[in-house]
């Protein structure tokens, strides 16, 4: 395989001088690999550090080499840090293995930069990323021309958004149209996006609880005390 840009999503020890890493790479998508820990790479195999490395191997578990980085870690603190972990968990659990998804990779990079600069509210960073991820995974918002503005819709697994009677999980067609293009100045729309995207993501997770959500809630509670 060729040299590729990548980020570490998850890492755990493996034998004496190696680690098992889950990488998100621009060229190959999500990849499981063994990384040998050297003096130069020890501090690089961490989340939020833009890496360049070689990924090699034919089996499901690859090998890495020539791990390098041209920059320091993208600095995330407080809520932004837990939000970054949230993005990593979504990619770790939802992306298929070894399928290139450059659109998601670009959206992920941009989300990390936006979290670090703190120029946008968290919702204005997370909702667009979630929308991109859901769309690329086949759970995106339908084209506005196929939506009836005065009907209610509910997402049905395997079928998509279907017309339904109004209920607690349904979305008004006019709102569904607007969700195609998020406007972070519209608080009601952003709340609607949060509720709907949470529903879709939870379905994809299949009941799995994200640790980053719990940590973020604990962090916010600790700040209030």
N, C-alpha and C. Protein backbone atom coordinates (compact mmCIF):
# COMPACT_ATOMS: atom_id res chain seq x y z
N UNK A 1 0.82 -1.19 0.00
CA UNK A 1 0.00 0.00 0.00
C UNK A 1 0.86 1.25 0.00
N UNK A 2 0.28 2.37 -0.39
CA UNK A 2 1.02 3.61 -0.51
C UNK A 2 0.93 4.44 0.77
N UNK A 3 1.74 5.47 0.82
CA UNK A 3 1.72 6.42 1.92
C UNK A 3 0.35 7.09 1.96
N UNK A 4 -0.21 7.25 3.17
CA UNK A 4 -1.53 7.86 3.29
C UNK A 4 -1.60 8.74 4.52
N UNK A 5 -2.48 9.73 4.49
CA UNK A 5 -2.81 10.52 5.67
C UNK A 5 -3.74 9.68 6.55
N UNK A 6 -3.62 9.85 7.86
CA UNK A 6 -4.45 9.05 8.77
C UNK A 6 -4.52 9.68 10.15
N UNK A 7 -5.54 9.26 10.91
CA UNK A 7 -5.68 9.60 12.32
C UNK A 7 -5.87 8.30 13.10
N UNK A 8 -5.43 8.30 14.35
CA UNK A 8 -5.68 7.17 15.25
C UNK A 8 -7.06 7.35 15.90
N UNK A 9 -7.91 6.34 15.76
CA UNK A 9 -9.21 6.37 16.42
C UNK A 9 -9.15 5.69 17.78
N UNK A 10 -8.33 4.63 17.87
CA UNK A 10 -8.27 3.84 19.10
C UNK A 10 -6.92 3.13 19.14
N UNK A 11 -6.42 2.93 20.35
CA UNK A 11 -5.12 2.27 20.50
C UNK A 11 -5.12 1.45 21.78
N UNK A 12 -4.51 0.27 21.73
CA UNK A 12 -4.30 -0.52 22.94
C UNK A 12 -3.00 -1.30 22.83
N UNK A 13 -2.37 -1.63 23.94
CA UNK A 13 -1.06 -2.31 23.92
C UNK A 13 -1.15 -3.67 23.23
N UNK A 14 -0.04 -4.06 22.62
CA UNK A 14 0.05 -5.36 21.94
C UNK A 14 1.48 -5.85 22.03
N UNK A 15 1.67 -6.93 22.76
CA UNK A 15 3.01 -7.46 23.00
C UNK A 15 3.89 -6.40 23.68
N UNK A 16 5.22 -6.58 23.60
CA UNK A 16 6.09 -5.71 24.39
C UNK A 16 6.32 -4.34 23.77
N UNK A 17 6.47 -4.29 22.47
CA UNK A 17 6.88 -3.02 21.85
C UNK A 17 5.97 -2.62 20.69
N UNK A 18 4.69 -3.02 20.75
CA UNK A 18 3.76 -2.70 19.67
C UNK A 18 2.42 -2.28 20.25
N UNK A 19 1.57 -1.79 19.37
CA UNK A 19 0.21 -1.43 19.75
C UNK A 19 -0.74 -1.85 18.63
N UNK A 20 -1.95 -2.21 19.03
CA UNK A 20 -3.02 -2.42 18.05
C UNK A 20 -3.75 -1.10 17.88
N UNK A 21 -3.79 -0.60 16.67
CA UNK A 21 -4.40 0.70 16.41
C UNK A 21 -5.52 0.57 15.38
N UNK A 22 -6.57 1.33 15.62
CA UNK A 22 -7.62 1.47 14.63
C UNK A 22 -7.39 2.83 13.97
N UNK A 23 -7.07 2.80 12.69
CA UNK A 23 -6.74 4.02 11.96
C UNK A 23 -7.89 4.43 11.05
N UNK A 24 -8.05 5.72 10.89
CA UNK A 24 -8.95 6.25 9.87
C UNK A 24 -8.09 6.96 8.85
N UNK A 25 -7.95 6.37 7.67
CA UNK A 25 -7.04 6.90 6.66
C UNK A 25 -7.80 7.47 5.47
N UNK A 26 -7.19 8.44 4.84
CA UNK A 26 -7.81 9.04 3.66
C UNK A 26 -7.88 8.04 2.51
N UNK A 27 -6.84 7.26 2.32
CA UNK A 27 -6.76 6.38 1.16
C UNK A 27 -7.52 5.08 1.33
N UNK A 28 -7.54 4.53 2.55
CA UNK A 28 -8.08 3.19 2.75
C UNK A 28 -9.26 3.12 3.71
N UNK A 29 -9.69 4.23 4.25
CA UNK A 29 -10.80 4.19 5.21
C UNK A 29 -10.34 3.69 6.56
N UNK A 30 -11.21 2.96 7.25
CA UNK A 30 -10.90 2.45 8.59
C UNK A 30 -10.10 1.16 8.47
N UNK A 31 -8.96 1.11 9.15
CA UNK A 31 -8.04 -0.02 9.04
C UNK A 31 -7.55 -0.42 10.43
N UNK A 32 -7.52 -1.73 10.69
CA UNK A 32 -6.91 -2.26 11.91
C UNK A 32 -5.46 -2.62 11.60
N UNK A 33 -4.53 -2.22 12.47
CA UNK A 33 -3.12 -2.46 12.17
C UNK A 33 -2.30 -2.63 13.44
N UNK A 34 -1.17 -3.28 13.27
CA UNK A 34 -0.17 -3.37 14.33
C UNK A 34 0.87 -2.29 14.06
N UNK A 35 1.14 -1.49 15.07
CA UNK A 35 2.15 -0.43 14.94
C UNK A 35 3.27 -0.70 15.93
N UNK A 36 4.48 -0.77 15.42
CA UNK A 36 5.64 -0.96 16.29
C UNK A 36 5.97 0.37 16.97
N UNK A 37 6.09 0.33 18.30
CA UNK A 37 6.36 1.54 19.06
C UNK A 37 7.87 1.80 19.07
N UNK A 38 8.27 2.88 18.47
CA UNK A 38 9.67 3.28 18.45
C UNK A 38 9.83 4.60 19.20
N UNK A 39 11.07 5.01 19.36
CA UNK A 39 11.34 6.29 20.02
C UNK A 39 10.65 7.44 19.30
N UNK A 40 10.60 7.37 17.96
CA UNK A 40 10.01 8.46 17.18
C UNK A 40 8.49 8.39 17.13
N UNK A 41 7.92 7.17 17.14
CA UNK A 41 6.48 7.04 16.94
C UNK A 41 5.69 7.02 18.24
N UNK A 42 6.38 6.84 19.39
CA UNK A 42 5.68 6.67 20.66
C UNK A 42 4.69 7.81 20.94
N UNK A 43 5.12 9.03 20.71
CA UNK A 43 4.25 10.16 21.00
C UNK A 43 3.28 10.52 19.89
N UNK A 44 3.38 9.85 18.75
CA UNK A 44 2.54 10.19 17.60
C UNK A 44 1.25 9.38 17.53
N UNK A 45 1.28 8.17 18.08
CA UNK A 45 0.11 7.28 17.94
C UNK A 45 -0.96 7.62 18.97
N UNK A 46 -1.48 8.83 18.84
CA UNK A 46 -2.51 9.35 19.73
C UNK A 46 -3.63 9.96 18.89
N UNK A 47 -4.85 10.02 19.44
CA UNK A 47 -5.94 10.66 18.70
C UNK A 47 -5.63 12.12 18.37
N UNK A 48 -6.18 12.59 17.26
CA UNK A 48 -6.19 13.99 16.84
C UNK A 48 -4.83 14.50 16.36
N UNK A 49 -3.90 13.60 16.08
CA UNK A 49 -2.63 13.99 15.48
C UNK A 49 -2.65 13.60 14.00
N UNK A 50 -2.53 14.56 13.08
CA UNK A 50 -2.50 14.22 11.65
C UNK A 50 -1.23 13.44 11.31
N UNK A 51 -1.39 12.21 10.84
CA UNK A 51 -0.26 11.34 10.55
C UNK A 51 -0.10 11.10 9.06
N UNK A 52 1.11 10.70 8.70
CA UNK A 52 1.37 10.13 7.38
C UNK A 52 2.13 8.84 7.63
N UNK A 53 1.68 7.75 7.00
CA UNK A 53 2.31 6.46 7.27
C UNK A 53 2.02 5.49 6.13
N UNK A 54 2.76 4.39 6.15
CA UNK A 54 2.51 3.29 5.23
C UNK A 54 1.66 2.25 5.93
N UNK A 55 0.68 1.72 5.23
CA UNK A 55 -0.14 0.61 5.72
C UNK A 55 0.07 -0.55 4.76
N UNK A 56 0.52 -1.69 5.29
CA UNK A 56 0.86 -2.83 4.44
C UNK A 56 0.18 -4.09 4.95
N UNK A 57 0.00 -5.06 4.04
CA UNK A 57 -0.52 -6.36 4.43
C UNK A 57 -1.74 -6.76 3.65
N UNK A 58 -1.96 -8.07 3.53
CA UNK A 58 -3.10 -8.61 2.79
C UNK A 58 -4.23 -9.04 3.72
N UNK A 59 -3.91 -9.35 4.98
CA UNK A 59 -4.92 -9.84 5.90
C UNK A 59 -5.71 -8.68 6.50
N UNK A 60 -6.68 -9.02 7.35
CA UNK A 60 -7.48 -7.97 7.99
C UNK A 60 -6.68 -7.12 8.94
N UNK A 61 -5.62 -7.68 9.53
CA UNK A 61 -4.77 -6.92 10.44
C UNK A 61 -3.50 -6.52 9.70
N UNK A 62 -3.36 -5.21 9.42
CA UNK A 62 -2.25 -4.70 8.62
C UNK A 62 -1.04 -4.37 9.51
N UNK A 63 0.02 -3.94 8.87
CA UNK A 63 1.20 -3.42 9.56
C UNK A 63 1.44 -1.99 9.11
N UNK A 64 2.01 -1.20 9.99
CA UNK A 64 2.32 0.19 9.65
C UNK A 64 3.83 0.40 9.68
N UNK A 65 4.27 1.41 8.97
CA UNK A 65 5.69 1.77 8.99
C UNK A 65 5.84 3.23 8.62
N UNK A 66 7.02 3.79 8.92
CA UNK A 66 7.36 5.17 8.60
C UNK A 66 6.30 6.16 9.07
N UNK A 67 5.95 6.02 10.34
CA UNK A 67 4.94 6.91 10.92
C UNK A 67 5.55 8.28 11.19
N UNK A 68 4.91 9.30 10.64
CA UNK A 68 5.44 10.66 10.82
C UNK A 68 4.28 11.66 10.87
N UNK A 69 4.60 12.85 11.32
CA UNK A 69 3.60 13.91 11.37
C UNK A 69 4.27 15.24 11.12
N UNK A 70 3.59 16.09 10.36
CA UNK A 70 4.11 17.43 10.06
C UNK A 70 3.62 18.48 11.03
N UNK A 71 2.75 18.07 11.97
CA UNK A 71 2.17 19.06 12.88
C UNK A 71 1.92 18.43 14.24
N UNK A 72 1.65 19.29 15.22
CA UNK A 72 1.30 18.83 16.55
C UNK A 72 -0.15 18.36 16.57
N UNK A 73 -0.55 17.78 17.68
CA UNK A 73 -1.94 17.35 17.83
C UNK A 73 -2.88 18.54 17.69
N UNK A 74 -4.03 18.32 17.10
CA UNK A 74 -5.06 19.36 17.05
C UNK A 74 -5.54 19.58 18.48
N UNK A 75 -5.40 20.78 19.04
CA UNK A 75 -5.66 20.99 20.47
C UNK A 75 -7.16 21.04 20.79
N UNK A 76 -7.61 20.07 21.57
CA UNK A 76 -9.01 20.01 21.99
C UNK A 76 -9.07 19.98 23.51
N UNK A 77 -9.97 20.77 24.08
CA UNK A 77 -10.09 20.85 25.54
C UNK A 77 -11.57 20.89 25.92
N UNK A 78 -11.86 20.42 27.13
CA UNK A 78 -13.21 20.52 27.65
C UNK A 78 -14.23 19.84 26.78
N UNK A 79 -15.35 20.52 26.51
CA UNK A 79 -16.43 19.96 25.69
C UNK A 79 -15.93 19.57 24.31
N UNK A 80 -15.00 20.36 23.76
CA UNK A 80 -14.47 20.05 22.43
C UNK A 80 -13.72 18.73 22.42
N UNK A 81 -13.00 18.42 23.51
CA UNK A 81 -12.27 17.16 23.59
C UNK A 81 -13.23 15.98 23.59
N UNK A 82 -14.27 16.05 24.41
CA UNK A 82 -15.23 14.95 24.46
C UNK A 82 -16.01 14.84 23.15
N UNK A 83 -16.21 15.97 22.49
CA UNK A 83 -16.86 15.93 21.17
C UNK A 83 -15.95 15.25 20.15
N UNK A 84 -14.65 15.49 20.25
CA UNK A 84 -13.70 14.79 19.38
C UNK A 84 -13.73 13.29 19.60
N UNK A 85 -13.80 12.88 20.88
CA UNK A 85 -13.91 11.45 21.18
C UNK A 85 -15.23 10.88 20.62
N UNK A 86 -16.27 11.70 20.65
CA UNK A 86 -17.56 11.28 20.07
C UNK A 86 -17.43 11.01 18.58
N UNK A 87 -16.76 11.90 17.86
CA UNK A 87 -16.53 11.68 16.43
C UNK A 87 -15.74 10.39 16.20
N UNK A 88 -14.72 10.17 17.03
CA UNK A 88 -13.90 8.96 16.88
C UNK A 88 -14.72 7.70 17.11
N UNK A 89 -15.60 7.74 18.12
CA UNK A 89 -16.43 6.55 18.39
C UNK A 89 -17.39 6.28 17.25
N UNK A 90 -17.96 7.33 16.67
CA UNK A 90 -18.86 7.13 15.53
C UNK A 90 -18.12 6.44 14.38
N UNK A 91 -16.92 6.92 14.07
CA UNK A 91 -16.15 6.33 12.99
C UNK A 91 -15.73 4.91 13.34
N UNK A 92 -15.32 4.68 14.57
CA UNK A 92 -14.85 3.37 15.02
C UNK A 92 -15.96 2.32 14.89
N UNK A 93 -17.16 2.68 15.29
CA UNK A 93 -18.25 1.69 15.33
C UNK A 93 -19.08 1.62 14.04
N UNK A 94 -19.15 2.71 13.29
CA UNK A 94 -20.08 2.75 12.16
C UNK A 94 -19.45 2.55 10.79
N UNK A 95 -18.17 2.87 10.64
CA UNK A 95 -17.57 2.73 9.31
C UNK A 95 -17.27 1.27 8.98
N UNK A 96 -17.49 0.86 7.74
CA UNK A 96 -17.05 -0.47 7.32
C UNK A 96 -15.53 -0.51 7.25
N UNK A 97 -14.97 -1.70 7.33
CA UNK A 97 -13.52 -1.85 7.27
C UNK A 97 -13.00 -1.72 5.84
N UNK A 98 -11.90 -1.00 5.71
CA UNK A 98 -11.14 -0.93 4.46
C UNK A 98 -11.97 -0.51 3.25
N UNK A 99 -12.82 0.48 3.47
CA UNK A 99 -13.57 1.10 2.37
C UNK A 99 -13.24 2.59 2.38
N UNK A 100 -12.59 3.11 1.35
CA UNK A 100 -12.26 4.54 1.32
C UNK A 100 -13.51 5.41 1.38
N UNK A 101 -13.48 6.39 2.25
CA UNK A 101 -14.60 7.34 2.38
C UNK A 101 -14.02 8.75 2.48
N UNK A 102 -13.42 9.24 1.40
CA UNK A 102 -12.73 10.54 1.46
C UNK A 102 -13.64 11.70 1.86
N UNK A 103 -14.92 11.63 1.51
CA UNK A 103 -15.84 12.71 1.90
C UNK A 103 -15.95 12.79 3.42
N UNK A 104 -16.05 11.63 4.07
CA UNK A 104 -16.13 11.60 5.53
C UNK A 104 -14.81 12.02 6.15
N UNK A 105 -13.70 11.60 5.53
CA UNK A 105 -12.37 11.97 6.05
C UNK A 105 -12.21 13.49 6.03
N UNK A 106 -12.59 14.12 4.94
CA UNK A 106 -12.48 15.58 4.84
C UNK A 106 -13.38 16.26 5.87
N UNK A 107 -14.60 15.73 6.05
CA UNK A 107 -15.53 16.30 7.03
C UNK A 107 -14.99 16.14 8.44
N UNK A 108 -14.33 15.02 8.71
CA UNK A 108 -13.75 14.77 10.03
C UNK A 108 -12.61 15.75 10.31
N UNK A 109 -11.72 15.92 9.35
CA UNK A 109 -10.64 16.89 9.52
C UNK A 109 -11.18 18.28 9.82
N UNK A 110 -12.17 18.69 9.05
CA UNK A 110 -12.73 20.03 9.22
C UNK A 110 -13.40 20.16 10.58
N UNK A 111 -14.09 19.11 11.03
CA UNK A 111 -14.75 19.16 12.32
C UNK A 111 -13.74 19.31 13.46
N UNK A 112 -12.61 18.60 13.37
CA UNK A 112 -11.59 18.72 14.40
C UNK A 112 -11.02 20.15 14.44
N UNK A 113 -10.77 20.72 13.28
CA UNK A 113 -10.25 22.09 13.23
C UNK A 113 -11.27 23.06 13.81
N UNK A 114 -12.54 22.88 13.47
CA UNK A 114 -13.59 23.77 13.98
C UNK A 114 -13.73 23.62 15.50
N UNK A 115 -13.61 22.39 16.01
CA UNK A 115 -13.67 22.20 17.46
C UNK A 115 -12.50 22.90 18.15
N UNK A 116 -11.33 22.82 17.53
CA UNK A 116 -10.14 23.41 18.13
C UNK A 116 -10.20 24.94 18.14
N UNK A 117 -10.69 25.54 17.09
CA UNK A 117 -10.73 27.00 17.01
C UNK A 117 -11.85 27.60 17.84
N UNK A 118 -12.90 26.78 18.11
CA UNK A 118 -14.03 27.21 18.96
C UNK A 118 -14.73 28.45 18.43
N UNK A 119 -14.70 28.64 17.11
CA UNK A 119 -15.38 29.79 16.52
C UNK A 119 -16.87 29.52 16.29
N UNK A 120 -17.24 28.23 16.31
CA UNK A 120 -18.63 27.84 16.10
C UNK A 120 -19.16 27.13 17.34
N UNK A 121 -20.47 27.20 17.60
CA UNK A 121 -21.05 26.39 18.67
C UNK A 121 -20.84 24.90 18.36
N UNK A 122 -20.81 24.07 19.40
CA UNK A 122 -20.60 22.64 19.19
C UNK A 122 -21.61 22.06 18.22
N UNK A 123 -22.87 22.47 18.35
CA UNK A 123 -23.91 21.93 17.48
C UNK A 123 -23.64 22.24 16.02
N UNK A 124 -23.07 23.41 15.76
CA UNK A 124 -22.79 23.81 14.38
C UNK A 124 -21.62 23.03 13.80
N UNK A 125 -20.85 22.35 14.64
CA UNK A 125 -19.77 21.48 14.17
C UNK A 125 -20.25 20.03 14.06
N UNK A 126 -20.97 19.57 15.08
CA UNK A 126 -21.36 18.16 15.14
C UNK A 126 -22.47 17.80 14.17
N UNK A 127 -23.49 18.67 14.04
CA UNK A 127 -24.63 18.30 13.18
C UNK A 127 -24.22 18.15 11.71
N UNK A 128 -23.44 19.07 11.13
CA UNK A 128 -23.02 18.86 9.74
C UNK A 128 -22.19 17.58 9.55
N UNK A 129 -21.32 17.28 10.53
CA UNK A 129 -20.55 16.04 10.42
C UNK A 129 -21.47 14.83 10.46
N UNK A 130 -22.41 14.83 11.40
CA UNK A 130 -23.35 13.71 11.49
C UNK A 130 -24.13 13.55 10.20
N UNK A 131 -24.55 14.67 9.61
CA UNK A 131 -25.31 14.60 8.36
C UNK A 131 -24.46 14.00 7.24
N UNK A 132 -23.21 14.42 7.14
CA UNK A 132 -22.31 13.85 6.13
C UNK A 132 -22.12 12.36 6.35
N UNK A 133 -21.87 11.95 7.59
CA UNK A 133 -21.68 10.55 7.91
C UNK A 133 -22.91 9.72 7.58
N UNK A 134 -24.07 10.19 8.01
CA UNK A 134 -25.32 9.47 7.75
C UNK A 134 -25.59 9.36 6.25
N UNK A 135 -25.34 10.44 5.53
CA UNK A 135 -25.58 10.43 4.09
C UNK A 135 -24.69 9.40 3.39
N UNK A 136 -23.41 9.39 3.76
CA UNK A 136 -22.47 8.45 3.13
C UNK A 136 -22.78 7.00 3.50
N UNK A 137 -23.42 6.78 4.65
CA UNK A 137 -23.79 5.43 5.08
C UNK A 137 -25.16 5.02 4.59
N UNK A 138 -25.81 5.88 3.80
CA UNK A 138 -27.11 5.53 3.24
C UNK A 138 -28.29 5.91 4.10
N UNK A 139 -28.07 6.73 5.13
CA UNK A 139 -29.14 7.15 6.03
C UNK A 139 -29.41 8.66 5.92
N UNK A 140 -29.08 9.22 4.80
CA UNK A 140 -29.19 10.66 4.65
C UNK A 140 -30.61 11.15 4.42
N UNK A 141 -30.75 12.46 4.41
CA UNK A 141 -32.04 13.11 4.16
C UNK A 141 -32.39 12.96 2.69
N UNK A 142 -33.62 12.56 2.36
CA UNK A 142 -34.00 12.43 0.94
C UNK A 142 -33.92 13.76 0.21
N UNK A 143 -33.80 13.68 -1.09
CA UNK A 143 -33.83 14.88 -1.91
C UNK A 143 -35.15 15.62 -1.67
N UNK A 144 -35.04 16.93 -1.51
CA UNK A 144 -36.22 17.72 -1.17
C UNK A 144 -37.38 17.58 -2.15
N UNK A 145 -37.10 17.31 -3.42
CA UNK A 145 -38.16 17.19 -4.41
C UNK A 145 -39.03 15.96 -4.20
N UNK A 146 -38.51 14.97 -3.45
CA UNK A 146 -39.29 13.74 -3.22
C UNK A 146 -40.08 13.80 -1.91
N UNK A 147 -40.01 14.92 -1.20
CA UNK A 147 -40.67 15.07 0.09
C UNK A 147 -41.91 15.96 -0.06
N UNK A 148 -43.03 15.50 0.47
CA UNK A 148 -44.25 16.31 0.52
C UNK A 148 -44.22 17.17 1.77
N UNK A 149 -44.25 18.47 1.59
CA UNK A 149 -44.05 19.39 2.71
C UNK A 149 -45.11 19.24 3.80
N UNK A 150 -46.34 18.87 3.44
CA UNK A 150 -47.42 18.82 4.43
C UNK A 150 -47.68 17.42 4.98
N UNK A 151 -46.77 16.49 4.76
CA UNK A 151 -46.89 15.13 5.30
C UNK A 151 -45.87 14.92 6.43
N UNK A 152 -46.09 13.88 7.21
CA UNK A 152 -45.15 13.48 8.25
C UNK A 152 -44.39 12.26 7.78
N UNK A 153 -43.10 12.18 8.19
CA UNK A 153 -42.24 11.09 7.76
C UNK A 153 -41.55 10.45 8.96
N UNK A 154 -41.32 9.15 8.84
CA UNK A 154 -40.56 8.43 9.86
C UNK A 154 -39.57 7.50 9.16
N UNK A 155 -38.36 7.40 9.74
CA UNK A 155 -37.36 6.53 9.14
C UNK A 155 -37.66 5.09 9.51
N UNK A 156 -37.78 4.23 8.49
CA UNK A 156 -38.01 2.80 8.67
C UNK A 156 -36.77 2.06 8.19
N UNK A 157 -36.18 1.25 9.05
CA UNK A 157 -34.96 0.53 8.71
C UNK A 157 -35.15 -0.30 7.44
N UNK A 158 -34.24 -0.15 6.50
CA UNK A 158 -34.29 -0.88 5.25
C UNK A 158 -35.16 -0.24 4.19
N UNK A 159 -35.93 0.76 4.56
CA UNK A 159 -36.84 1.41 3.61
C UNK A 159 -36.59 2.90 3.46
N UNK A 160 -36.04 3.53 4.50
CA UNK A 160 -35.80 4.96 4.44
C UNK A 160 -36.94 5.75 5.07
N UNK A 161 -37.08 7.01 4.66
CA UNK A 161 -38.11 7.88 5.22
C UNK A 161 -39.44 7.61 4.52
N UNK A 162 -40.43 7.21 5.32
CA UNK A 162 -41.74 6.84 4.79
C UNK A 162 -42.81 7.75 5.38
N UNK A 163 -43.86 8.05 4.59
CA UNK A 163 -44.99 8.84 5.07
C UNK A 163 -45.70 8.07 6.18
N UNK A 164 -46.06 8.79 7.25
CA UNK A 164 -46.69 8.14 8.40
C UNK A 164 -47.67 9.10 9.07
N UNK A 165 -48.40 8.59 10.04
CA UNK A 165 -49.22 9.44 10.89
C UNK A 165 -48.31 10.17 11.88
N UNK A 166 -48.67 11.38 12.30
CA UNK A 166 -47.83 12.11 13.26
C UNK A 166 -47.60 11.31 14.53
N UNK A 167 -46.36 11.23 14.98
CA UNK A 167 -46.04 10.56 16.23
C UNK A 167 -44.77 11.17 16.81
N UNK A 168 -44.32 10.65 17.95
CA UNK A 168 -43.18 11.26 18.66
C UNK A 168 -41.88 11.17 17.89
N UNK A 169 -41.78 10.25 16.92
CA UNK A 169 -40.55 10.09 16.16
C UNK A 169 -40.67 10.55 14.70
N UNK A 170 -41.82 11.11 14.36
CA UNK A 170 -42.01 11.55 12.98
C UNK A 170 -41.48 12.97 12.79
N UNK A 171 -41.20 13.31 11.54
CA UNK A 171 -40.70 14.64 11.17
C UNK A 171 -41.62 15.22 10.12
N UNK A 172 -41.98 16.48 10.32
CA UNK A 172 -42.83 17.15 9.34
C UNK A 172 -42.05 17.33 8.04
N UNK A 173 -42.71 17.10 6.93
CA UNK A 173 -42.04 17.14 5.63
C UNK A 173 -41.33 18.45 5.36
N UNK A 174 -41.97 19.57 5.74
CA UNK A 174 -41.35 20.88 5.52
C UNK A 174 -40.04 21.00 6.29
N UNK A 175 -40.01 20.44 7.53
CA UNK A 175 -38.78 20.46 8.32
C UNK A 175 -37.72 19.54 7.73
N UNK A 176 -38.17 18.39 7.21
CA UNK A 176 -37.23 17.44 6.61
C UNK A 176 -36.52 18.07 5.40
N UNK A 177 -37.27 18.84 4.63
CA UNK A 177 -36.67 19.55 3.50
C UNK A 177 -35.58 20.51 3.97
N UNK A 178 -35.86 21.21 5.06
CA UNK A 178 -34.92 22.22 5.55
C UNK A 178 -33.66 21.57 6.13
N UNK A 179 -33.76 20.32 6.58
CA UNK A 179 -32.61 19.65 7.17
C UNK A 179 -31.54 19.30 6.14
N UNK A 180 -31.88 19.39 4.87
CA UNK A 180 -30.87 19.16 3.82
C UNK A 180 -29.73 20.17 3.92
N UNK A 181 -30.07 21.39 4.31
CA UNK A 181 -29.08 22.47 4.39
C UNK A 181 -29.20 23.11 5.77
N UNK A 182 -28.34 22.70 6.68
CA UNK A 182 -28.44 23.15 8.06
C UNK A 182 -28.06 24.62 8.20
N UNK A 183 -28.86 25.33 8.95
CA UNK A 183 -28.60 26.74 9.25
C UNK A 183 -28.43 26.85 10.76
N UNK A 184 -27.19 27.05 11.21
CA UNK A 184 -26.97 27.02 12.65
C UNK A 184 -27.53 28.24 13.38
N UNK A 185 -28.04 29.21 12.64
CA UNK A 185 -28.69 30.35 13.28
C UNK A 185 -30.16 30.04 13.62
N UNK A 186 -30.67 28.93 13.12
CA UNK A 186 -32.05 28.51 13.37
C UNK A 186 -32.03 27.47 14.48
N UNK A 187 -32.26 27.90 15.72
CA UNK A 187 -32.14 27.00 16.87
C UNK A 187 -33.15 25.87 16.82
N UNK A 188 -34.37 26.16 16.35
CA UNK A 188 -35.39 25.11 16.27
C UNK A 188 -34.99 24.04 15.27
N UNK A 189 -34.44 24.46 14.13
CA UNK A 189 -34.00 23.51 13.11
C UNK A 189 -32.84 22.66 13.63
N UNK A 190 -31.89 23.29 14.33
CA UNK A 190 -30.75 22.55 14.85
C UNK A 190 -31.18 21.54 15.91
N UNK A 191 -32.19 21.90 16.70
CA UNK A 191 -32.71 20.95 17.68
C UNK A 191 -33.39 19.78 16.98
N UNK A 192 -34.14 20.07 15.93
CA UNK A 192 -34.78 19.02 15.15
C UNK A 192 -33.73 18.08 14.55
N UNK A 193 -32.65 18.67 14.05
CA UNK A 193 -31.56 17.86 13.50
C UNK A 193 -30.94 16.98 14.57
N UNK A 194 -30.72 17.52 15.77
CA UNK A 194 -30.13 16.74 16.85
C UNK A 194 -30.98 15.54 17.20
N UNK A 195 -32.28 15.74 17.32
CA UNK A 195 -33.19 14.64 17.68
C UNK A 195 -33.21 13.57 16.59
N UNK A 196 -33.35 14.00 15.33
CA UNK A 196 -33.43 13.05 14.23
C UNK A 196 -32.12 12.31 14.02
N UNK A 197 -31.01 13.04 14.01
CA UNK A 197 -29.71 12.38 13.78
C UNK A 197 -29.38 11.42 14.93
N UNK A 198 -29.77 11.77 16.14
CA UNK A 198 -29.57 10.87 17.29
C UNK A 198 -30.35 9.58 17.08
N UNK A 199 -31.57 9.70 16.60
CA UNK A 199 -32.39 8.52 16.33
C UNK A 199 -31.74 7.61 15.29
N UNK A 200 -31.25 8.21 14.21
CA UNK A 200 -30.65 7.43 13.13
C UNK A 200 -29.33 6.80 13.57
N UNK A 201 -28.52 7.57 14.30
CA UNK A 201 -27.24 7.05 14.77
C UNK A 201 -27.45 5.91 15.76
N UNK A 202 -28.42 6.08 16.67
CA UNK A 202 -28.69 5.02 17.65
C UNK A 202 -29.14 3.74 16.95
N UNK A 203 -29.89 3.88 15.88
CA UNK A 203 -30.30 2.69 15.13
C UNK A 203 -29.09 2.00 14.51
N UNK A 204 -28.19 2.78 13.95
CA UNK A 204 -26.98 2.21 13.37
C UNK A 204 -26.10 1.56 14.44
N UNK A 205 -26.09 2.13 15.64
CA UNK A 205 -25.28 1.58 16.73
C UNK A 205 -25.87 0.29 17.28
N UNK A 206 -27.15 0.05 17.04
CA UNK A 206 -27.77 -1.19 17.49
C UNK A 206 -27.78 -1.38 18.99
N UNK A 207 -28.00 -0.31 19.73
CA UNK A 207 -28.08 -0.42 21.18
C UNK A 207 -26.76 -0.17 21.90
N UNK A 208 -25.69 0.00 21.17
CA UNK A 208 -24.39 0.26 21.80
C UNK A 208 -24.39 1.67 22.42
N UNK A 209 -23.87 1.76 23.62
CA UNK A 209 -23.79 3.04 24.33
C UNK A 209 -22.42 3.67 24.06
N UNK A 210 -22.41 4.93 23.66
CA UNK A 210 -21.15 5.62 23.40
C UNK A 210 -20.59 6.19 24.70
N UNK A 211 -19.37 5.81 25.00
CA UNK A 211 -18.71 6.28 26.22
C UNK A 211 -18.52 7.79 26.20
N UNK A 212 -18.28 8.35 25.02
CA UNK A 212 -18.04 9.80 24.93
C UNK A 212 -19.25 10.61 25.35
N UNK A 213 -20.45 10.11 25.07
CA UNK A 213 -21.67 10.81 25.50
C UNK A 213 -21.73 10.87 27.03
N UNK A 214 -21.42 9.75 27.68
CA UNK A 214 -21.45 9.71 29.14
C UNK A 214 -20.39 10.64 29.73
N UNK A 215 -19.20 10.64 29.14
CA UNK A 215 -18.12 11.49 29.65
C UNK A 215 -18.47 12.97 29.50
N UNK A 216 -19.09 13.33 28.37
CA UNK A 216 -19.47 14.72 28.16
C UNK A 216 -20.51 15.16 29.19
N UNK A 217 -21.48 14.31 29.46
CA UNK A 217 -22.50 14.64 30.46
C UNK A 217 -21.87 14.80 31.85
N UNK A 218 -20.96 13.89 32.20
CA UNK A 218 -20.27 13.98 33.50
C UNK A 218 -19.44 15.26 33.58
N UNK A 219 -18.78 15.62 32.48
CA UNK A 219 -17.95 16.83 32.46
C UNK A 219 -18.83 18.06 32.67
N UNK A 220 -19.97 18.10 32.01
CA UNK A 220 -20.85 19.27 32.15
C UNK A 220 -21.44 19.36 33.55
N UNK A 221 -21.78 18.21 34.15
CA UNK A 221 -22.31 18.20 35.51
C UNK A 221 -21.25 18.69 36.50
N UNK A 222 -19.99 18.28 36.29
CA UNK A 222 -18.92 18.69 37.20
C UNK A 222 -18.69 20.19 37.15
N UNK A 223 -18.91 20.80 35.98
CA UNK A 223 -18.71 22.25 35.85
C UNK A 223 -19.80 23.03 36.59
N UNK A 224 -20.99 22.41 36.76
CA UNK A 224 -22.08 23.09 37.43
C UNK A 224 -21.96 23.01 38.94
N UNK A 225 -21.17 22.08 39.43
CA UNK A 225 -21.08 21.87 40.88
C UNK A 225 -20.07 22.83 41.52
